[in-house]
Amino acid sequence: MNLSMRQFAHPVLLCLALSCAAAPAAAENVQFVPPEVRDIQIIEHLGGQLPLDAAFTDDNGKPVRLADYFNHDRPVMLSVVYYECPMLCGLATQALLNTLNQLPGRPGEDFEVVTVSFDPTETADLAFGKKKSVIAEYQKPDAADGWHFLVGTDQNVKALTDAVGFRSRWDEKSQQFAHAAALMIITPDGRLSRYLHGVYYEPKETQDALRAAAAGLIAEPTDPAVARSLFMTCFKAIVGEQANMVTQILRGIGALSLIILALVLVPLWIRSARAGRQS
């Protein structure tokens, strides 16, 4: 089973269900959002400047700075993930890969792509392994040098996540981070031009965002309620011990749907059979 199927099949249904459940919470009352994830979000800092002097290590183990990917007259696509994430980061990275496969431009020529781990304990070896697995499904492998996977120290990671408004929390019980997902589009001089929230980045919308960023334009803020409706965190971090209950509920809904379908179709089949015999 390839990367797309492995990472998208089961967890996406759970994440999307939780995302939908969070939407009315934002629009109506935050008290319905689970307390442990109320502050886990991405706060838009449109027009804000990235810390271009922040130092990182790339997937080849080479010391780099964010500035290395800017000031080339082309915009930058930035994703903030962690490489050992069991769920949401894989979905976000797969969504970015799917979008890149459909965009007419090429990384390293028309734009840069930078993926940064927000977990300061992760290593360049993990970044290398993640890039290798992703590039295996990239339809433009000769442009892979334009997609950079970085790790950094706590100080430099915090400087970046603070600048882009990315908030996360380690969940001791599930042994994973609770976090949200978004693709950030950055101008060539390092200013935040637009946020694309969630784990689906429509190719035309992404292309338009890249063109606007290349021209130095800053988008209008996303409605907070809309951003919250797209807010998703790792399934276990939200439901914890209720995971089995949620699974049983979903199975029950599926079984009930089959029963209702049978109640509708069986009488129709009986009537059709009787009509056939009479004729």
Protein backbone atom coordinates (compact mmCIF):
# COMPACT_ATOMS: atom_id res chain seq x y z
CA MET A 1 0.00 0.00 0.00
CA ASN A 2 1.49 3.37 -1.00
CA LEU A 3 1.99 6.49 1.15
CA SER A 4 -1.30 8.01 0.02
CA MET A 5 -3.43 5.00 0.91
CA ARG A 6 -1.63 4.22 4.17
CA GLN A 7 -1.95 7.72 5.55
CA PHE A 8 -5.31 8.71 4.11
CA ALA A 9 -7.57 5.69 4.51
CA HIS A 10 -8.69 5.33 8.14
CA PRO A 11 -7.45 8.38 10.06
CA VAL A 12 -8.81 10.95 7.62
CA LEU A 13 -12.40 9.90 8.35
CA LEU A 14 -11.87 10.34 12.07
CA CYS A 15 -10.04 13.62 11.68
CA LEU A 16 -12.67 15.04 9.33
CA ALA A 17 -15.45 13.98 11.69
CA LEU A 18 -13.74 15.78 14.54
CA SER A 19 -13.16 18.79 12.32
CA CYS A 20 -16.87 19.01 11.52
CA ALA A 21 -17.69 18.65 15.20
CA ALA A 22 -15.40 21.56 16.00
CA ALA A 23 -17.01 23.91 13.47
CA PRO A 24 -20.16 24.81 15.41
CA ALA A 25 -18.06 25.09 18.54
CA ALA A 26 -16.16 27.98 17.03
CA ALA A 27 -19.20 29.66 15.57
CA GLU A 28 -21.34 29.32 18.68
CA ASN A 29 -19.40 28.76 21.88
CA VAL A 30 -15.82 27.71 22.56
CA GLN A 31 -16.89 25.80 25.67
CA PHE A 32 -17.93 22.87 23.47
CA VAL A 33 -14.34 22.46 22.23
CA PRO A 34 -12.48 19.93 24.42
CA PRO A 35 -10.52 21.90 27.08
CA GLU A 36 -7.26 20.12 26.26
CA VAL A 37 -7.23 21.48 22.70
CA ARG A 38 -8.86 24.91 23.01
CA ASP A 39 -5.58 26.77 22.54
CA ILE A 40 -4.29 24.43 19.82
CA GLN A 41 -4.69 26.50 16.68
CA ILE A 42 -2.90 28.51 14.04
CA ILE A 43 -3.33 32.25 14.56
CA GLU A 44 -2.83 34.15 11.32
CA HIS A 45 -0.03 36.72 11.37
CA LEU A 46 -0.60 38.05 7.87
CA GLY A 47 2.07 40.49 6.81
CA GLY A 48 4.33 39.33 9.62
CA GLN A 49 8.02 38.76 8.95
CA LEU A 50 9.61 35.34 9.30
CA PRO A 51 12.84 35.12 11.35
CA LEU A 52 15.09 34.68 8.33
CA ASP A 53 18.21 34.52 10.52
CA ALA A 54 16.89 31.41 12.32
CA ALA A 55 19.31 28.50 11.90
CA PHE A 56 18.22 24.96 10.97
CA THR A 57 19.67 21.72 9.61
CA ASP A 58 18.44 20.39 6.27
CA ASP A 59 17.71 16.80 5.23
CA ASN A 60 21.34 16.35 4.16
CA GLY A 61 22.65 17.37 7.58
CA LYS A 62 23.82 20.75 6.27
CA PRO A 63 23.46 23.90 8.44
CA VAL A 64 21.11 26.40 6.77
CA ARG A 65 19.17 29.54 7.56
CA LEU A 66 15.64 30.40 6.50
CA ALA A 67 17.13 33.26 4.51
CA ASP A 68 18.69 30.68 2.18
CA TYR A 69 15.25 30.04 0.68
CA PHE A 70 14.23 33.66 0.20
CA ASN A 71 15.22 36.74 -1.81
CA HIS A 72 15.20 34.77 -5.06
CA ASP A 73 12.19 36.61 -6.52
CA ARG A 74 9.98 33.59 -5.93
CA PRO A 75 7.42 32.78 -3.21
CA VAL A 76 7.81 30.03 -0.61
CA MET A 77 5.33 27.37 0.50
CA LEU A 78 5.88 26.62 4.21
CA SER A 79 4.48 23.67 6.15
CA VAL A 80 5.08 23.09 9.87
CA VAL A 81 4.84 19.43 10.91
CA TYR A 82 6.73 16.79 12.85
CA TYR A 83 8.13 13.79 11.06
CA GLU A 84 7.10 11.08 13.53
CA CYS A 85 3.49 12.27 13.66
CA PRO A 86 1.23 9.21 13.32
CA MET A 87 -1.65 10.99 11.64
CA LEU A 88 -2.29 14.66 10.86
CA CYS A 89 1.16 15.63 9.58
CA GLY A 90 1.07 12.73 7.15
CA LEU A 91 -2.27 13.95 5.84
CA ALA A 92 -0.98 17.52 5.49
CA THR A 93 2.21 16.41 3.72
CA GLN A 94 0.24 14.12 1.40
CA ALA A 95 -2.12 16.99 0.59
CA LEU A 96 0.84 19.22 -0.24
CA LEU A 97 2.32 16.46 -2.42
CA ASN A 98 -0.97 16.00 -4.28
CA THR A 99 -1.17 19.74 -4.90
CA LEU A 100 2.44 19.99 -6.08
CA ASN A 101 1.78 17.16 -8.52
CA GLN A 102 -0.99 19.26 -10.09
CA LEU A 103 0.69 22.68 -10.11
CA PRO A 104 2.26 23.84 -13.40
CA GLY A 105 5.30 25.37 -11.69
CA ARG A 106 8.44 23.64 -10.41
CA PRO A 107 10.02 23.87 -6.95
CA GLY A 108 13.40 25.57 -7.12
CA GLU A 109 12.40 27.50 -10.23
CA ASP A 110 8.96 29.04 -9.72
CA PHE A 111 8.74 28.69 -5.93
CA GLU A 112 10.43 27.03 -2.97
CA VAL A 113 8.84 24.45 -0.65
CA VAL A 114 10.04 24.32 2.96
CA THR A 115 8.81 21.76 5.49
CA VAL A 116 9.99 22.35 9.07
CA SER A 117 9.65 20.05 12.08
CA PHE A 118 8.29 21.84 15.14
CA ASP A 119 9.67 19.05 17.36
CA PRO A 120 13.22 20.14 18.36
CA THR A 121 14.13 16.56 19.29
CA GLU A 122 13.84 15.33 15.71
CA THR A 123 17.00 14.80 13.67
CA ALA A 124 18.24 15.37 10.15
CA ASP A 125 18.08 11.60 9.60
CA LEU A 126 14.32 11.72 10.20
CA ALA A 127 14.04 14.66 7.80
CA PHE A 128 16.00 12.69 5.18
CA GLY A 129 13.79 9.63 5.62
CA LYS A 130 10.60 11.69 5.35
CA LYS A 131 11.81 13.44 2.21
CA LYS A 132 12.82 10.14 0.63
CA SER A 133 9.37 8.60 1.23
CA VAL A 134 7.58 11.69 -0.11
CA ILE A 135 9.76 12.17 -3.19
CA ALA A 136 9.12 8.53 -4.11
CA GLU A 137 5.58 9.64 -5.05
CA TYR A 138 6.54 13.03 -6.46
CA GLN A 139 5.88 13.27 -10.20
CA LYS A 140 8.73 15.78 -10.68
CA PRO A 141 11.64 14.02 -8.94
CA ASP A 142 14.19 16.13 -10.82
CA ALA A 143 12.76 19.17 -8.97
CA ALA A 144 13.11 17.53 -5.55
CA ASP A 145 15.99 19.86 -4.65
CA GLY A 146 13.39 22.64 -4.42
CA TRP A 147 11.57 20.90 -1.53
CA HIS A 148 13.52 21.23 1.71
CA PHE A 149 12.95 19.30 4.97
CA LEU A 150 14.42 21.00 8.05
CA VAL A 151 14.95 20.39 11.77
CA GLY A 152 16.11 22.88 14.37
CA THR A 153 16.85 23.67 17.99
CA ASP A 154 14.13 24.65 20.43
CA GLN A 155 15.08 28.33 20.21
CA ASN A 156 14.96 28.54 16.44
CA VAL A 157 11.86 26.36 16.11
CA LYS A 158 10.06 28.57 18.64
CA ALA A 159 11.10 31.69 16.75
CA LEU A 160 9.49 30.31 13.62
CA THR A 161 6.31 28.90 15.20
CA ASP A 162 5.75 32.15 17.12
CA ALA A 163 6.17 34.15 13.91
CA VAL A 164 3.59 32.09 12.00
CA GLY A 165 1.18 31.69 14.96
CA PHE A 166 1.52 27.91 15.19
CA ARG A 167 0.56 26.42 18.57
CA SER A 168 0.92 22.82 19.68
CA ARG A 169 1.02 20.79 22.88
CA TRP A 170 2.56 17.46 23.81
CA ASP A 171 -0.05 15.01 25.03
CA GLU A 172 1.59 12.68 27.55
CA LYS A 173 -1.25 10.19 27.50
CA SER A 174 -1.19 9.54 23.77
CA GLN A 175 2.54 10.28 23.41
CA GLN A 176 2.02 12.64 20.51
CA PHE A 177 1.53 16.32 19.76
CA ALA A 178 -1.89 17.95 19.49
CA HIS A 179 -1.73 20.52 16.69
CA ALA A 180 -3.52 22.03 13.72
CA ALA A 181 -2.54 22.08 10.04
CA ALA A 182 -2.13 24.78 7.43
CA LEU A 183 -0.04 25.58 4.38
CA MET A 184 1.49 29.04 4.58
CA ILE A 185 2.35 31.05 1.48
CA ILE A 186 5.27 33.46 1.98
CA THR A 187 6.44 36.41 -0.12
CA PRO A 188 9.99 36.38 -1.57
CA ASP A 189 11.14 38.74 1.21
CA GLY A 190 9.75 36.50 3.98
CA ARG A 191 6.34 37.98 4.84
CA LEU A 192 3.25 35.85 5.48
CA SER A 193 0.97 36.34 2.49
CA ARG A 194 -1.77 33.73 3.02
CA TYR A 195 -2.82 30.72 5.11
CA LEU A 196 -4.51 27.69 3.55
CA HIS A 197 -6.01 25.84 6.52
CA GLY A 198 -6.69 22.12 6.79
CA VAL A 199 -5.35 19.18 4.78
CA TYR A 200 -6.62 19.96 1.28
CA TYR A 201 -5.06 22.68 -0.85
CA GLU A 202 -7.04 23.25 -4.03
CA PRO A 203 -4.48 23.58 -6.87
CA LYS A 204 -5.96 26.68 -8.53
CA GLU A 205 -6.37 28.46 -5.20
CA THR A 206 -2.81 27.54 -4.27
CA GLN A 207 -1.51 28.77 -7.63
CA ASP A 208 -3.37 32.07 -7.20
CA ALA A 209 -1.93 32.43 -3.70
CA LEU A 210 1.59 31.86 -5.05
CA ARG A 211 1.10 34.51 -7.74
CA ALA A 212 -0.19 37.01 -5.17
CA ALA A 213 2.72 36.29 -2.83
CA ALA A 214 5.20 36.68 -5.69
CA ALA A 215 3.75 40.16 -6.24
CA GLY A 216 4.15 40.95 -2.53
CA LEU A 217 0.40 40.98 -1.83
CA ILE A 218 -1.08 40.12 1.57
CA ALA A 219 -4.43 38.30 1.68
CA GLU A 220 -7.42 39.20 3.82
CA PRO A 221 -7.60 37.27 7.13
CA THR A 222 -9.52 34.02 7.17
CA ASP A 223 -12.74 34.20 9.16
CA PRO A 224 -11.89 32.78 12.62
CA ALA A 225 -14.98 30.56 12.54
CA VAL A 226 -13.92 29.12 9.20
CA ALA A 227 -10.38 28.56 10.41
CA ARG A 228 -11.70 26.81 13.50
CA SER A 229 -14.00 24.64 11.39
CA LEU A 230 -10.91 23.41 9.56
CA PHE A 231 -9.06 22.88 12.82
CA MET A 232 -8.00 19.29 13.23
CA THR A 233 -5.76 17.56 15.73
CA CYS A 234 -4.58 14.00 16.12
CA PHE A 235 -7.48 11.68 16.90
CA LYS A 236 -6.03 10.11 20.03
CA ALA A 237 -5.06 13.47 21.46
CA ILE A 238 -8.70 14.58 21.34
CA VAL A 239 -10.76 11.55 22.23
CA GLY A 240 -8.24 9.52 24.23
CA GLU A 241 -10.04 6.71 26.02
CA GLN A 242 -13.21 7.33 23.98
CA ALA A 243 -11.55 6.03 20.78
CA ASN A 244 -13.23 2.61 21.05
CA MET A 245 -16.58 4.22 21.75
CA VAL A 246 -16.29 6.44 18.67
CA THR A 247 -15.33 3.43 16.56
CA GLN A 248 -18.35 1.48 17.84
CA ILE A 249 -20.64 4.42 17.09
CA LEU A 250 -19.35 4.63 13.52
CA ARG A 251 -19.82 0.89 13.07
CA GLY A 252 -23.33 1.16 14.49
CA ILE A 253 -24.20 3.91 12.03
CA GLY A 254 -22.94 1.74 9.18
CA ALA A 255 -24.97 -1.26 10.35
CA LEU A 256 -28.10 0.86 10.77
CA SER A 257 -27.69 2.20 7.24
CA LEU A 258 -27.60 -1.35 5.87
CA ILE A 259 -30.74 -2.31 7.82
CA ILE A 260 -32.65 0.73 6.53
CA LEU A 261 -31.50 -0.04 2.98
CA ALA A 262 -32.71 -3.63 3.35
CA LEU A 263 -36.10 -2.51 4.69
CA VAL A 264 -36.55 -0.32 1.64
CA LEU A 265 -35.24 -2.70 -1.05
CA VAL A 266 -36.66 -6.06 0.10
CA PRO A 267 -40.36 -5.05 -0.20
CA LEU A 268 -39.64 -3.59 -3.63
CA TRP A 269 -37.98 -6.83 -4.70
CA ILE A 270 -40.93 -8.93 -3.41
CA ARG A 271 -43.47 -6.77 -5.24
CA SER A 272 -41.40 -6.96 -8.41
CA ALA A 273 -41.18 -10.76 -8.18
CA ARG A 274 -44.96 -11.09 -7.64
CA ALA A 275 -45.69 -8.82 -10.60
CA GLY A 276 -43.39 -10.94 -12.75
CA ARG A 277 -45.21 -14.18 -11.82
CA GLN A 278 -48.64 -12.66 -12.48
CA SER A 279 -47.63 -11.43 -15.90
